[in-house]
C-alpha atoms as a PDB file:
ATOM      1  CA  MET A   1       9.812   3.190  24.392  1.00  0.00           C
ATOM      2  CA  ASN A   2      10.320   1.264  21.126  1.00  0.00           C
ATOM      3  CA  LEU A   3       8.678   3.287  18.349  1.00  0.00           C
ATOM      4  CA  ASN A   4       9.144   1.901  14.833  1.00  0.00           C
ATOM      5  CA  ARG A   5      10.537   4.841  12.856  1.00  0.00           C
ATOM      6  CA  ARG A   6      11.120   3.063   9.537  1.00  0.00           C
ATOM      7  CA  ASN A   7       8.560   5.315   7.868  1.00  0.00           C
ATOM      8  CA  TYR A   8       9.915   8.611   9.156  1.00  0.00           C
ATOM      9  CA  PRO A   9      12.209  11.029   7.291  1.00  0.00           C
ATOM     10  CA  PRO A  10      15.846   9.847   7.551  1.00  0.00           C
ATOM     11  CA  ASP A  11      18.382  11.707   9.680  1.00  0.00           C
ATOM     12  CA  MET A  12      21.019  11.809   6.920  1.00  0.00           C
ATOM     13  CA  GLY A  13      20.754  11.807   3.149  1.00  0.00           C
ATOM     14  CA  ILE A  14      19.939  13.951   0.136  1.00  0.00           C
ATOM     15  CA  ARG A  15      16.804  15.527  -1.330  1.00  0.00           C
ATOM     16  CA  LEU A  16      15.786  14.086  -4.689  1.00  0.00           C
ATOM     17  CA  PRO A  17      13.024  15.698  -6.786  1.00  0.00           C
ATOM     18  CA  ALA A  18      10.041  13.375  -7.031  1.00  0.00           C
ATOM     19  CA  GLU A  19      10.146  13.305 -10.823  1.00  0.00           C
ATOM     20  CA  GLU A  20      13.789  12.168 -10.709  1.00  0.00           C
ATOM     21  CA  MET A  21      12.952   9.275  -8.379  1.00  0.00           C
ATOM     22  CA  LYS A  22      10.060   8.220 -10.589  1.00  0.00           C
ATOM     23  CA  ALA A  23      12.190   8.358 -13.744  1.00  0.00           C
ATOM     24  CA  LEU A  24      14.894   6.221 -12.113  1.00  0.00           C
ATOM     25  CA  THR A  25      12.320   3.675 -10.979  1.00  0.00           C
ATOM     26  CA  VAL A  26      10.844   3.434 -14.470  1.00  0.00           C
ATOM     27  CA  ARG A  27      14.286   2.891 -16.029  1.00  0.00           C
ATOM     28  CA  LEU A  28      15.122   0.134 -13.543  1.00  0.00           C
ATOM     29  CA  PHE A  29      11.961  -1.838 -14.251  1.00  0.00           C
ATOM     30  CA  GLU A  30      12.253  -1.348 -18.001  1.00  0.00           C
ATOM     31  CA  ALA A  31      15.754  -2.838 -17.717  1.00  0.00           C
ATOM     32  CA  VAL A  32      14.298  -6.166 -16.528  1.00  0.00           C
ATOM     33  CA  GLY A  33      11.683  -6.389 -19.259  1.00  0.00           C
ATOM     34  CA  MET A  34       8.697  -4.526 -17.837  1.00  0.00           C
ATOM     35  CA  PRO A  35       6.675  -2.650 -20.487  1.00  0.00           C
ATOM     36  CA  VAL A  36       7.001   1.112 -20.201  1.00  0.00           C
ATOM     37  CA  GLY A  37       3.304   1.572 -19.392  1.00  0.00           C
ATOM     38  CA  ASP A  38       3.475  -0.813 -16.437  1.00  0.00           C
ATOM     39  CA  ALA A  39       6.787   0.677 -15.299  1.00  0.00           C
ATOM     40  CA  GLU A  40       5.187   4.140 -15.350  1.00  0.00           C
ATOM     41  CA  VAL A  41       2.280   2.950 -13.181  1.00  0.00           C
ATOM     42  CA  LEU A  42       4.602   1.241 -10.708  1.00  0.00           C
ATOM     43  CA  GLY A  43       6.977   4.202 -10.644  1.00  0.00           C
ATOM     44  CA  HIS A  44       4.076   6.565 -10.004  1.00  0.00           C
ATOM     45  CA  ILE A  45       2.755   4.568  -7.043  1.00  0.00           C
ATOM     46  CA  LEU A  46       6.143   3.954  -5.407  1.00  0.00           C
ATOM     47  CA  ASN A  47       7.112   7.592  -5.914  1.00  0.00           C
ATOM     48  CA  ILE A  48       3.965   8.842  -4.176  1.00  0.00           C
ATOM     49  CA  ASN A  49       4.685   6.574  -1.215  1.00  0.00           C
ATOM     50  CA  ASP A  50       8.224   7.948  -1.003  1.00  0.00           C
ATOM     51  CA  ARG A  51       6.789  11.460  -0.972  1.00  0.00           C
ATOM     52  CA  ARG A  52       4.654  10.454   1.995  1.00  0.00           C
ATOM     53  CA  CYS A  53       7.719   8.892   3.699  1.00  0.00           C
ATOM     54  CA  LEU A  54       5.995   5.514   3.442  1.00  0.00           C
ATOM     55  CA  PHE A  55       9.403   4.167   2.477  1.00  0.00           C
ATOM     56  CA  SER A  56       8.640   0.549   3.417  1.00  0.00           C
ATOM     57  CA  HIS A  57       6.167   0.491   0.515  1.00  0.00           C
ATOM     58  CA  GLY A  58       7.952   2.946  -1.758  1.00  0.00           C
ATOM     59  CA  THR A  59      11.163   2.565  -3.716  1.00  0.00           C
ATOM     60  CA  ARG A  60      12.801   0.562  -0.940  1.00  0.00           C
ATOM     61  CA  GLN A  61      10.787  -2.310  -2.433  1.00  0.00           C
ATOM     62  CA  VAL A  62      12.514  -1.927  -5.803  1.00  0.00           C
ATOM     63  CA  PRO A  63      15.452  -4.330  -5.130  1.00  0.00           C
ATOM     64  CA  TYR A  64      13.018  -7.031  -3.964  1.00  0.00           C
ATOM     65  CA  TYR A  65      10.776  -6.669  -7.015  1.00  0.00           C
ATOM     66  CA  LEU A  66      13.709  -6.607  -9.427  1.00  0.00           C
ATOM     67  CA  GLN A  67      15.132  -9.785  -7.900  1.00  0.00           C
ATOM     68  CA  LYS A  68      11.770 -11.553  -8.060  1.00  0.00           C
ATOM     69  CA  ILE A  69      11.507 -10.699 -11.749  1.00  0.00           C
ATOM     70  CA  LYS A  70      15.101 -11.767 -12.474  1.00  0.00           C
ATOM     71  CA  ASP A  71      14.559 -15.037 -10.584  1.00  0.00           C
ATOM     72  CA  GLY A  72      11.526 -15.829 -12.728  1.00  0.00           C
ATOM     73  CA  ASP A  73       9.087 -15.677  -9.813  1.00  0.00           C
ATOM     74  CA  VAL A  74       7.139 -12.652 -11.083  1.00  0.00           C
ATOM     75  CA  ASN A  75       5.867 -12.093 -14.619  1.00  0.00           C
ATOM     76  CA  PRO A  76       7.467  -8.829 -15.841  1.00  0.00           C
ATOM     77  CA  SER A  77       4.868  -8.352 -18.576  1.00  0.00           C
ATOM     78  CA  PRO A  78       1.514  -9.635 -17.284  1.00  0.00           C
ATOM     79  CA  ASN A  79      -1.659  -9.568 -19.330  1.00  0.00           C
ATOM     80  CA  ILE A  80      -4.169  -8.625 -16.643  1.00  0.00           C
ATOM     81  CA  SER A  81      -7.728  -9.598 -17.457  1.00  0.00           C
ATOM     82  CA  VAL A  82     -11.329  -9.349 -16.291  1.00  0.00           C
ATOM     83  CA  VAL A  83     -12.592 -12.700 -15.015  1.00  0.00           C
ATOM     84  CA  SER A  84     -16.155 -11.570 -14.357  1.00  0.00           C
ATOM     85  CA  GLU A  85     -18.044  -8.307 -14.109  1.00  0.00           C
ATOM     86  CA  ALA A  86     -21.393  -6.981 -12.899  1.00  0.00           C
ATOM     87  CA  PRO A  87     -22.730  -3.450 -12.282  1.00  0.00           C
ATOM     88  CA  GLY A  88     -21.284  -3.385  -8.760  1.00  0.00           C
ATOM     89  CA  ALA A  89     -18.641  -6.103  -8.908  1.00  0.00           C
ATOM     90  CA  LEU A  90     -15.394  -6.903 -10.686  1.00  0.00           C
ATOM     91  CA  VAL A  91     -12.972  -9.840 -10.537  1.00  0.00           C
ATOM     92  CA  MET A  92      -9.529  -9.431 -12.117  1.00  0.00           C
ATOM     93  CA  ASP A  93      -6.653 -11.840 -12.801  1.00  0.00           C
ATOM     94  CA  GLY A  94      -3.063 -10.595 -12.467  1.00  0.00           C
ATOM     95  CA  ASP A  95      -1.377 -13.177 -14.731  1.00  0.00           C
ATOM     96  CA  GLY A  96       1.457 -13.833 -12.287  1.00  0.00           C
ATOM     97  CA  GLY A  97       2.722 -10.247 -12.227  1.00  0.00           C
ATOM     98  CA  LEU A  98       2.904  -7.744  -9.406  1.00  0.00           C
ATOM     99  CA  GLY A  99      -0.474  -7.079  -7.834  1.00  0.00           C
ATOM    100  CA  TYR A 100      -0.242  -3.328  -8.388  1.00  0.00           C
ATOM    101  CA  PHE A 101      -1.534  -3.652 -11.940  1.00  0.00           C
ATOM    102  CA  PRO A 102      -4.866  -5.475 -11.442  1.00  0.00           C
ATOM    103  CA  CYS A 103      -5.476  -3.568  -8.194  1.00  0.00           C
ATOM    104  CA  TYR A 104      -4.774  -0.131  -9.675  1.00  0.00           C
ATOM    105  CA  GLU A 105      -6.691  -0.720 -12.907  1.00  0.00           C
ATOM    106  CA  GLY A 106      -9.478  -2.520 -11.061  1.00  0.00           C
ATOM    107  CA  THR A 107      -9.856   0.253  -8.488  1.00  0.00           C
ATOM    108  CA  LYS A 108     -10.197   2.845 -11.243  1.00  0.00           C
ATOM    109  CA  ARG A 109     -12.922   0.716 -12.809  1.00  0.00           C
ATOM    110  CA  ILE A 110     -14.920   0.228  -9.617  1.00  0.00           C
ATOM    111  CA  ILE A 111     -14.701   3.942  -8.847  1.00  0.00           C
ATOM    112  CA  GLU A 112     -16.604   4.512 -12.086  1.00  0.00           C
ATOM    113  CA  LYS A 113     -19.073   1.784 -11.124  1.00  0.00           C
ATOM    114  CA  ALA A 114     -19.580   3.380  -7.705  1.00  0.00           C
ATOM    115  CA  LYS A 115     -20.293   6.743  -9.301  1.00  0.00           C
ATOM    116  CA  THR A 116     -23.294   5.086 -10.933  1.00  0.00           C
ATOM    117  CA  GLY A 117     -24.393   2.526  -8.360  1.00  0.00           C
ATOM    118  CA  GLY A 118     -23.106   3.968  -5.091  1.00  0.00           C
ATOM    119  CA  VAL A 119     -20.971   0.981  -4.079  1.00  0.00           C
ATOM    120  CA  ALA A 120     -18.685  -1.343  -6.035  1.00  0.00           C
ATOM    121  CA  VAL A 121     -16.320  -4.147  -5.033  1.00  0.00           C
ATOM    122  CA  LEU A 122     -13.218  -5.627  -6.656  1.00  0.00           C
ATOM    123  CA  THR A 123     -11.382  -8.860  -5.964  1.00  0.00           C
ATOM    124  CA  THR A 124      -8.059  -9.758  -7.568  1.00  0.00           C
ATOM    125  CA  ARG A 125      -6.071 -12.983  -7.724  1.00  0.00           C
ATOM    126  CA  ASN A 126      -3.154 -14.735  -9.406  1.00  0.00           C
ATOM    127  CA  HIS A 127      -0.536 -12.092  -8.680  1.00  0.00           C
ATOM    128  CA  GLN A 128       2.237 -11.162  -6.273  1.00  0.00           C
ATOM    129  CA  HIS A 129       2.612  -8.191  -3.885  1.00  0.00           C
ATOM    130  CA  ILE A 130       0.067  -5.347  -4.159  1.00  0.00           C
ATOM    131  CA  GLY A 131       2.139  -2.908  -2.082  1.00  0.00           C
ATOM    132  CA  SER A 132       0.432  -0.698   0.459  1.00  0.00           C
ATOM    133  CA  ALA A 133      -3.312  -1.277   0.778  1.00  0.00           C
ATOM    134  CA  GLY A 134      -3.567   2.490   1.134  1.00  0.00           C
ATOM    135  CA  ASN A 135      -2.555   2.897  -2.516  1.00  0.00           C
ATOM    136  CA  TYR A 136      -6.086   1.972  -3.478  1.00  0.00           C
ATOM    137  CA  THR A 137      -8.093   3.650  -0.726  1.00  0.00           C
ATOM    138  CA  ARG A 138      -6.254   6.894  -1.493  1.00  0.00           C
ATOM    139  CA  LEU A 139      -7.200   6.476  -5.146  1.00  0.00           C
ATOM    140  CA  ALA A 140     -10.840   6.308  -4.043  1.00  0.00           C
ATOM    141  CA  ILE A 141     -10.421   9.362  -1.795  1.00  0.00           C
ATOM    142  CA  GLY A 142      -9.240  11.338  -4.801  1.00  0.00           C
ATOM    143  CA  HIS A 143     -12.664  10.795  -6.342  1.00  0.00           C
ATOM    144  CA  ASP A 144     -14.637  11.798  -3.229  1.00  0.00           C
ATOM    145  CA  CYS A 145     -15.226   8.175  -2.297  1.00  0.00           C
ATOM    146  CA  ILE A 146     -14.574   6.080   0.799  1.00  0.00           C
ATOM    147  CA  GLY A 147     -12.212   3.193   0.138  1.00  0.00           C
ATOM    148  CA  LEU A 148     -11.598  -0.119   1.884  1.00  0.00           C
ATOM    149  CA  ALA A 149      -8.823  -2.502   0.883  1.00  0.00           C
ATOM    150  CA  ALA A 150      -7.487  -5.776   2.259  1.00  0.00           C
ATOM    151  CA  SER A 151      -4.899  -8.197   0.931  1.00  0.00           C
ATOM    152  CA  SER A 152      -3.423 -11.513   1.968  1.00  0.00           C
ATOM    153  CA  HIS A 153      -0.864 -14.033   0.810  1.00  0.00           C
ATOM    154  CA  ARG A 154      -1.297 -17.797   0.687  1.00  0.00           C
ATOM    155  CA  SER A 155      -0.020 -19.515   3.823  1.00  0.00           C
ATOM    156  CA  PHE A 156      -1.165 -22.481   5.872  1.00  0.00           C
ATOM    157  CA  MET A 157      -1.488 -23.151   9.597  1.00  0.00           C
ATOM    158  CA  LYS A 158      -0.289 -26.446  11.069  1.00  0.00           C
ATOM    159  CA  PRO A 159      -2.001 -28.492  13.812  1.00  0.00           C
ATOM    160  CA  ASP A 160       1.039 -28.320  16.104  1.00  0.00           C
ATOM    161  CA  GLU A 161       1.166 -24.498  15.965  1.00  0.00           C
ATOM    162  CA  LEU A 162      -0.534 -22.105  18.363  1.00  0.00           C
ATOM    163  CA  ILE A 163      -3.767 -20.707  16.953  1.00  0.00           C
ATOM    164  CA  TYR A 164      -2.216 -17.236  17.182  1.00  0.00           C
ATOM    165  CA  ARG A 165      -0.383 -18.225  13.985  1.00  0.00           C
ATOM    166  CA  VAL A 166      -3.482 -16.904  12.200  1.00  0.00           C
ATOM    167  CA  VAL A 167      -2.080 -13.430  12.882  1.00  0.00           C
ATOM    168  CA  ASP A 168       0.172 -12.195  10.095  1.00  0.00           C
ATOM    169  CA  THR A 169       1.106  -8.986   8.306  1.00  0.00           C
ATOM    170  CA  SER A 170      -1.765  -9.062   5.801  1.00  0.00           C
ATOM    171  CA  PRO A 171      -2.680  -5.382   5.349  1.00  0.00           C
ATOM    172  CA  MET A 172      -5.892  -3.407   5.495  1.00  0.00           C
ATOM    173  CA  SER A 173      -6.746   0.205   4.742  1.00  0.00           C
ATOM    174  CA  ILE A 174      -9.847   2.358   5.154  1.00  0.00           C
ATOM    175  CA  GLY A 175      -9.772   5.893   3.799  1.00  0.00           C
ATOM    176  CA  PHE A 176     -12.135   8.864   4.096  1.00  0.00           C
ATOM    177  CA  PRO A 177     -11.927  12.094   2.074  1.00  0.00           C
ATOM    178  CA  GLY A 178     -11.379  15.373   3.871  1.00  0.00           C
ATOM    179  CA  GLY A 179     -11.410  19.053   3.031  1.00  0.00           C
ATOM    180  CA  GLU A 180      -8.838  21.394   4.556  1.00  0.00           C
ATOM    181  CA  GLN A 181      -7.699  18.850   7.141  1.00  0.00           C
ATOM    182  CA  PRO A 182      -5.741  15.682   6.295  1.00  0.00           C
ATOM    183  CA  PRO A 183      -7.786  12.751   5.001  1.00  0.00           C
ATOM    184  CA  LEU A 184      -8.264   9.943   7.520  1.00  0.00           C
ATOM    185  CA  VAL A 185      -6.411   6.920   6.143  1.00  0.00           C
ATOM    186  CA  MET A 186      -5.934   3.793   8.230  1.00  0.00           C
ATOM    187  CA  ASP A 187      -3.250   1.779   6.433  1.00  0.00           C
ATOM    188  CA  MET A 188      -1.592  -1.004   8.399  1.00  0.00           C
ATOM    189  CA  GLY A 189      -0.606  -4.627   8.678  1.00  0.00           C
ATOM    190  CA  GLY A 190      -2.865  -6.922  10.656  1.00  0.00           C
ATOM    191  CA  VAL A 191      -0.452  -7.592  13.535  1.00  0.00           C
ATOM    192  CA  LEU A 192      -1.647  -5.602  16.532  1.00  0.00           C
ATOM    193  CA  ILE A 193       0.627  -7.322  19.033  1.00  0.00           C
ATOM    194  CA  ARG A 194       3.243 -10.082  18.872  1.00  0.00           C
ATOM    195  CA  TYR A 195       2.541 -13.113  21.026  1.00  0.00           C
ATOM    196  CA  GLU A 196       4.266 -13.299  24.385  1.00  0.00           C
ATOM    197  CA  GLU A 197       2.795 -15.458  27.135  1.00  0.00           C
ATOM    198  CA  GLU A 198       3.413 -12.846  29.829  1.00  0.00           C
ATOM    199  CA  LEU A 199       1.668 -10.158  27.788  1.00  0.00           C
ATOM    200  CA  PHE A 200      -1.191 -12.522  26.969  1.00  0.00           C
ATOM    201  CA  ASN A 201      -1.812 -13.090  30.667  1.00  0.00           C
ATOM    202  CA  LYS A 202      -2.011  -9.316  31.205  1.00  0.00           C
ATOM    203  CA  LEU A 203      -3.953  -8.346  28.071  1.00  0.00           C
ATOM    204  CA  PRO A 204      -5.906 -11.371  26.836  1.00  0.00           C
ATOM    205  CA  ALA A 205      -8.639  -9.301  25.161  1.00  0.00           C
ATOM    206  CA  THR A 206      -6.053  -7.498  23.026  1.00  0.00           C
ATOM    207  CA  PHE A 207      -4.784 -10.805  21.653  1.00  0.00           C
ATOM    208  CA  PHE A 208      -8.259 -12.120  20.852  1.00  0.00           C
ATOM    209  CA  LYS A 209      -9.129  -8.861  19.093  1.00  0.00           C
ATOM    210  CA  GLY A 210      -5.876  -9.067  17.148  1.00  0.00           C
ATOM    211  CA  MET A 211      -6.705 -12.611  16.056  1.00  0.00           C
ATOM    212  CA  ALA A 212     -10.175 -11.561  14.954  1.00  0.00           C
ATOM    213  CA  LEU A 213      -8.851  -8.613  12.956  1.00  0.00           C
ATOM    214  CA  SER A 214      -6.136 -10.599  11.194  1.00  0.00           C
ATOM    215  CA  ALA A 215      -8.453 -13.520  10.422  1.00  0.00           C
ATOM    216  CA  ALA A 216     -11.006 -11.148   8.888  1.00  0.00           C
ATOM    217  CA  ILE A 217      -8.348  -9.443   6.739  1.00  0.00           C
ATOM    218  CA  ARG A 218      -7.087 -12.820   5.528  1.00  0.00           C
ATOM    219  CA  ALA A 219     -10.613 -14.007   4.788  1.00  0.00           C
ATOM    220  CA  LEU A 220     -11.496 -10.876   2.780  1.00  0.00           C
ATOM    221  CA  GLY A 221      -8.212 -10.349   0.954  1.00  0.00           C
ATOM    222  CA  GLY A 222      -7.285 -14.000   0.590  1.00  0.00           C
ATOM    223  CA  VAL A 223      -9.975 -16.650   1.001  1.00  0.00           C
ATOM    224  CA  PHE A 224     -12.743 -14.593  -0.633  1.00  0.00           C
ATOM    225  CA  ALA A 225     -10.349 -13.484  -3.382  1.00  0.00           C
ATOM    226  CA  GLY A 226      -9.640 -17.139  -4.219  1.00  0.00           C
ATOM    227  CA  ILE A 227      -5.922 -17.411  -3.456  1.00  0.00           C
ATOM    228  CA  TYR A 228      -6.299 -20.920  -2.036  1.00  0.00           C
ATOM    229  CA  LYS A 229      -7.971 -22.277  -5.191  1.00  0.00           C
ATOM    230  CA  SER A 230      -5.251 -23.982  -7.208  1.00  0.00           C
ATOM    231  CA  GLU A 231      -7.179 -23.525 -10.447  1.00  0.00           C
ATOM    232  CA  TYR A 232      -6.933 -19.746 -10.014  1.00  0.00           C
ATOM    233  CA  CYS A 233      -3.137 -19.707  -9.681  1.00  0.00           C
ATOM    234  CA  ASP A 234      -0.549 -20.074 -12.438  1.00  0.00           C
ATOM    235  CA  GLU A 235       2.116 -22.432 -11.090  1.00  0.00           C
ATOM    236  CA  LYS A 236       4.696 -20.841 -13.382  1.00  0.00           C
ATOM    237  CA  TRP A 237       4.734 -17.730 -11.174  1.00  0.00           C
ATOM    238  CA  GLU A 238       4.769 -16.923  -7.456  1.00  0.00           C
ATOM    239  CA  SER A 239       1.172 -15.754  -7.716  1.00  0.00           C
ATOM    240  CA  ASN A 240       0.312 -16.186  -4.044  1.00  0.00           C
ATOM    241  CA  GLN A 241      -1.636 -13.023  -3.239  1.00  0.00           C
ATOM    242  CA  GLY A 242      -5.089 -11.545  -3.660  1.00  0.00           C
ATOM    243  CA  SER A 243      -7.066  -8.489  -2.685  1.00  0.00           C
ATOM    244  CA  PHE A 244     -10.503  -7.161  -1.779  1.00  0.00           C
ATOM    245  CA  ILE A 245     -11.194  -3.500  -2.563  1.00  0.00           C
ATOM    246  CA  ALA A 246     -14.486  -1.682  -2.009  1.00  0.00           C
ATOM    247  CA  VAL A 247     -15.445   1.845  -3.031  1.00  0.00           C
ATOM    248  CA  VAL A 248     -18.361   3.846  -1.615  1.00  0.00           C
ATOM    249  CA  ASN A 249     -19.439   6.949  -3.521  1.00  0.00           C
ATOM    250  CA  VAL A 250     -20.185   9.516  -0.818  1.00  0.00           C
ATOM    251  CA  ALA A 251     -22.590  11.475  -3.030  1.00  0.00           C
ATOM    252  CA  HIS A 252     -25.052   8.566  -3.035  1.00  0.00           C
ATOM    253  CA  PHE A 253     -25.401   8.847   0.749  1.00  0.00           C
ATOM    254  CA  MET A 254     -24.868  12.511   1.621  1.00  0.00           C
ATOM    255  CA  PRO A 255     -23.537  15.710   0.030  1.00  0.00           C
ATOM    256  CA  VAL A 256     -19.767  15.426  -0.436  1.00  0.00           C
ATOM    257  CA  ASP A 257     -19.148  18.887   1.032  1.00  0.00           C
ATOM    258  CA  GLU A 258     -21.131  17.906   4.117  1.00  0.00           C
ATOM    259  CA  LEU A 259     -18.971  14.845   4.770  1.00  0.00           C
ATOM    260  CA  LYS A 260     -15.772  16.809   4.169  1.00  0.00           C
ATOM    261  CA  ALA A 261     -16.877  19.497   6.606  1.00  0.00           C
ATOM    262  CA  GLU A 262     -17.719  16.892   9.245  1.00  0.00           C
ATOM    263  CA  MET A 263     -14.438  15.051   8.685  1.00  0.00           C
ATOM    264  CA  ASP A 264     -12.563  18.356   8.973  1.00  0.00           C
ATOM    265  CA  ARG A 265     -14.278  19.027  12.283  1.00  0.00           C
ATOM    266  CA  PHE A 266     -13.529  15.518  13.564  1.00  0.00           C
ATOM    267  CA  VAL A 267      -9.897  15.393  12.406  1.00  0.00           C
ATOM    268  CA  GLY A 268      -9.213  19.014  13.357  1.00  0.00           C
ATOM    269  CA  GLU A 269     -10.542  18.426  16.858  1.00  0.00           C
ATOM    270  CA  ALA A 270      -8.192  15.460  17.287  1.00  0.00           C
ATOM    271  CA  ARG A 271      -5.207  17.455  16.038  1.00  0.00           C
ATOM    272  CA  LEU A 272      -5.738  20.042  18.792  1.00  0.00           C
ATOM    273  CA  THR A 273      -5.329  17.440  21.541  1.00  0.00           C
ATOM    274  CA  GLN A 274      -2.090  16.536  23.336  1.00  0.00           C
ATOM    275  CA  PRO A 275       0.228  14.074  21.519  1.00  0.00           C
ATOM    276  CA  LEU A 276       1.078  10.633  22.821  1.00  0.00           C
ATOM    277  CA  PRO A 277       4.473  10.179  24.524  1.00  0.00           C
ATOM    278  CA  GLY A 278       7.330  10.227  22.034  1.00  0.00           C
ATOM    279  CA  MET A 279       5.315  11.976  19.334  1.00  0.00           C
ATOM    280  CA  ASP A 280       5.919  15.511  18.075  1.00  0.00           C
ATOM    281  CA  ARG A 281       2.296  16.327  17.323  1.00  0.00           C
ATOM    282  CA  SER A 282      -1.214  14.904  17.455  1.00  0.00           C
ATOM    283  CA  GLU A 283      -2.226  13.290  14.186  1.00  0.00           C
ATOM    284  CA  LEU A 284      -4.799  10.683  13.266  1.00  0.00           C
ATOM    285  CA  ALA A 285      -3.934   7.993  10.728  1.00  0.00           C
ATOM    286  CA  GLY A 286      -2.737   9.585   7.500  1.00  0.00           C
ATOM    287  CA  GLY A 287      -1.927  12.967   9.038  1.00  0.00           C
ATOM    288  CA  ASN A 288       1.848  12.641   9.062  1.00  0.00           C
ATOM    289  CA  GLU A 289       1.881  11.337   5.491  1.00  0.00           C
ATOM    290  CA  TRP A 290      -0.278  14.271   4.360  1.00  0.00           C
ATOM    291  CA  ALA A 291       2.137  16.788   5.888  1.00  0.00           C
ATOM    292  CA  TRP A 292       5.266  15.048   4.589  1.00  0.00           C
ATOM    293  CA  ASP A 293       3.816  14.823   1.085  1.00  0.00           C
ATOM    294  CA  LYS A 294       3.281  18.580   0.983  1.00  0.00           C
ATOM    295  CA  GLU A 295       6.832  19.213   2.188  1.00  0.00           C
ATOM    296  CA  ASN A 296       8.505  16.684  -0.080  1.00  0.00           C
ATOM    297  CA  VAL A 297       6.716  17.766  -3.251  1.00  0.00           C
ATOM    298  CA  GLU A 298       8.254  21.182  -2.656  1.00  0.00           C
ATOM    299  CA  LYS A 299      11.686  20.233  -1.292  1.00  0.00           C
ATOM    300  CA  GLY A 300      12.288  16.792  -2.780  1.00  0.00           C
ATOM    301  CA  ILE A 301      12.101  13.274  -1.365  1.00  0.00           C
ATOM    302  CA  PRO A 302      14.491  12.707   1.571  1.00  0.00           C
ATOM    303  CA  VAL A 303      16.584   9.716   0.506  1.00  0.00           C
ATOM    304  CA  GLY A 304      18.637   8.180   3.303  1.00  0.00           C
ATOM    305  CA  ASP A 305      22.146   6.917   2.549  1.00  0.00           C
ATOM    306  CA  GLU A 306      21.191   3.248   2.938  1.00  0.00           C
ATOM    307  CA  HIS A 307      18.131   3.726   0.710  1.00  0.00           C
ATOM    308  CA  ARG A 308      20.267   5.487  -1.900  1.00  0.00           C
ATOM    309  CA  GLN A 309      22.935   2.784  -1.865  1.00  0.00           C
ATOM    310  CA  ALA A 310      20.367   0.021  -2.336  1.00  0.00           C
ATOM    311  CA  LEU A 311      19.028   1.722  -5.463  1.00  0.00           C
ATOM    312  CA  GLN A 312      22.536   2.526  -6.699  1.00  0.00           C
ATOM    313  CA  ASP A 313      23.535  -1.138  -6.357  1.00  0.00           C
ATOM    314  CA  GLU A 314      20.569  -2.242  -8.476  1.00  0.00           C
ATOM    315  CA  ALA A 315      21.289   0.427 -11.074  1.00  0.00           C
ATOM    316  CA  ASP A 316      24.932  -0.660 -11.302  1.00  0.00           C
ATOM    317  CA  LYS A 317      23.895  -4.271 -11.919  1.00  0.00           C
ATOM    318  CA  LEU A 318      21.565  -3.203 -14.728  1.00  0.00           C
ATOM    319  CA  GLY A 319      23.697  -0.463 -16.265  1.00  0.00           C
ATOM    320  CA  VAL A 320      21.159   2.240 -15.425  1.00  0.00           C
ATOM    321  CA  GLU A 321      22.259   5.816 -14.756  1.00  0.00           C
ATOM    322  CA  THR A 322      21.233   7.354 -11.422  1.00  0.00           C
ATOM    323  CA  PRO A 323      20.687  11.036 -10.583  1.00  0.00           C
ATOM    324  CA  PHE A 324      22.029  10.977  -7.018  1.00  0.00           C
ATOM    325  CA  GLU A 325      25.373  12.730  -7.574  1.00  0.00           C
ATOM    326  CA  ARG A 326      23.657  15.719  -9.185  1.00  0.00           C
ATOM    327  CA  PHE A 327      21.793  16.403  -5.940  1.00  0.00           C
ATOM    328  CA  GLU A 328      24.631  15.933  -3.471  1.00  0.00           C
ATOM    329  CA  ASP A 329      24.410  19.658  -2.688  1.00  0.00           C
ATOM    330  CA  THR A 330      21.054  18.998  -0.991  1.00  0.00           C
ATOM    331  CA  ARG A 331      22.687  16.779   1.644  1.00  0.00           C
ATOM    332  CA  PHE A 332      21.322  17.102   5.164  1.00  0.00           C
END
């Protein structure tokens, strides 16, 4: 069985306190011209993902982002702005920077709108990578709201390609608040299954469902967000991504405690079942990350040797001090 374990705790490495990882991340981005406020926001988000062992969208992204900034593809100091606004709607422009900034600020704003109106929706454009879509649904969960997020990057299909080319890694997340049990957080790329003719002949419905899902994610997080409109994109930057984020205030539909109790029953019931082959325990989406976050806040983020070396290499290039040697005694 081929289980992708890239977002599992590493087998070998050290434990680094979360605040140390965040501080290092902030210093690295400041070194390439990012304002301290933006670096703090980015460091906060990436650090939380590391705590959850969502390493693919945590500080393992740092070398990529630093290189994009150094290459002049990403604006290190964007002036994000509101394009239009209504009681339940918000459109934000990312000014060619990383998508974290309009998405994070915009999500906070629509949470406040949803507290008044029940539901609010954000679209963002003219920016680069937004990171994990779950960054923003989890932000909504923290305010007793349900969150939905989708993102896509600008790409084009060609007539000589198979229609399955519509399937790509554009992400989507839906998150629900919980009480004592883990919150339910679906956070994934849109590829359900890679195309193989033999598999298609056996499981055609799975492929059609995968196409439908990916096309819908791309339409919401890309087409609807305006990423294909040239007038919305600054050619100076690699501003090829957009997002769609919706927030539902639970209290406008039912008592918050009632939903949390029902979600606890639902999630708790699932966790008492038998795990799938190759898995240690039964968890719904978000359950493993919830458990790892609790552990890693207490013990420190598990930083694998390859992960550590990648960050050390970037720090050496920029003349930034790293904390790794001070925590060598935590090696596992």
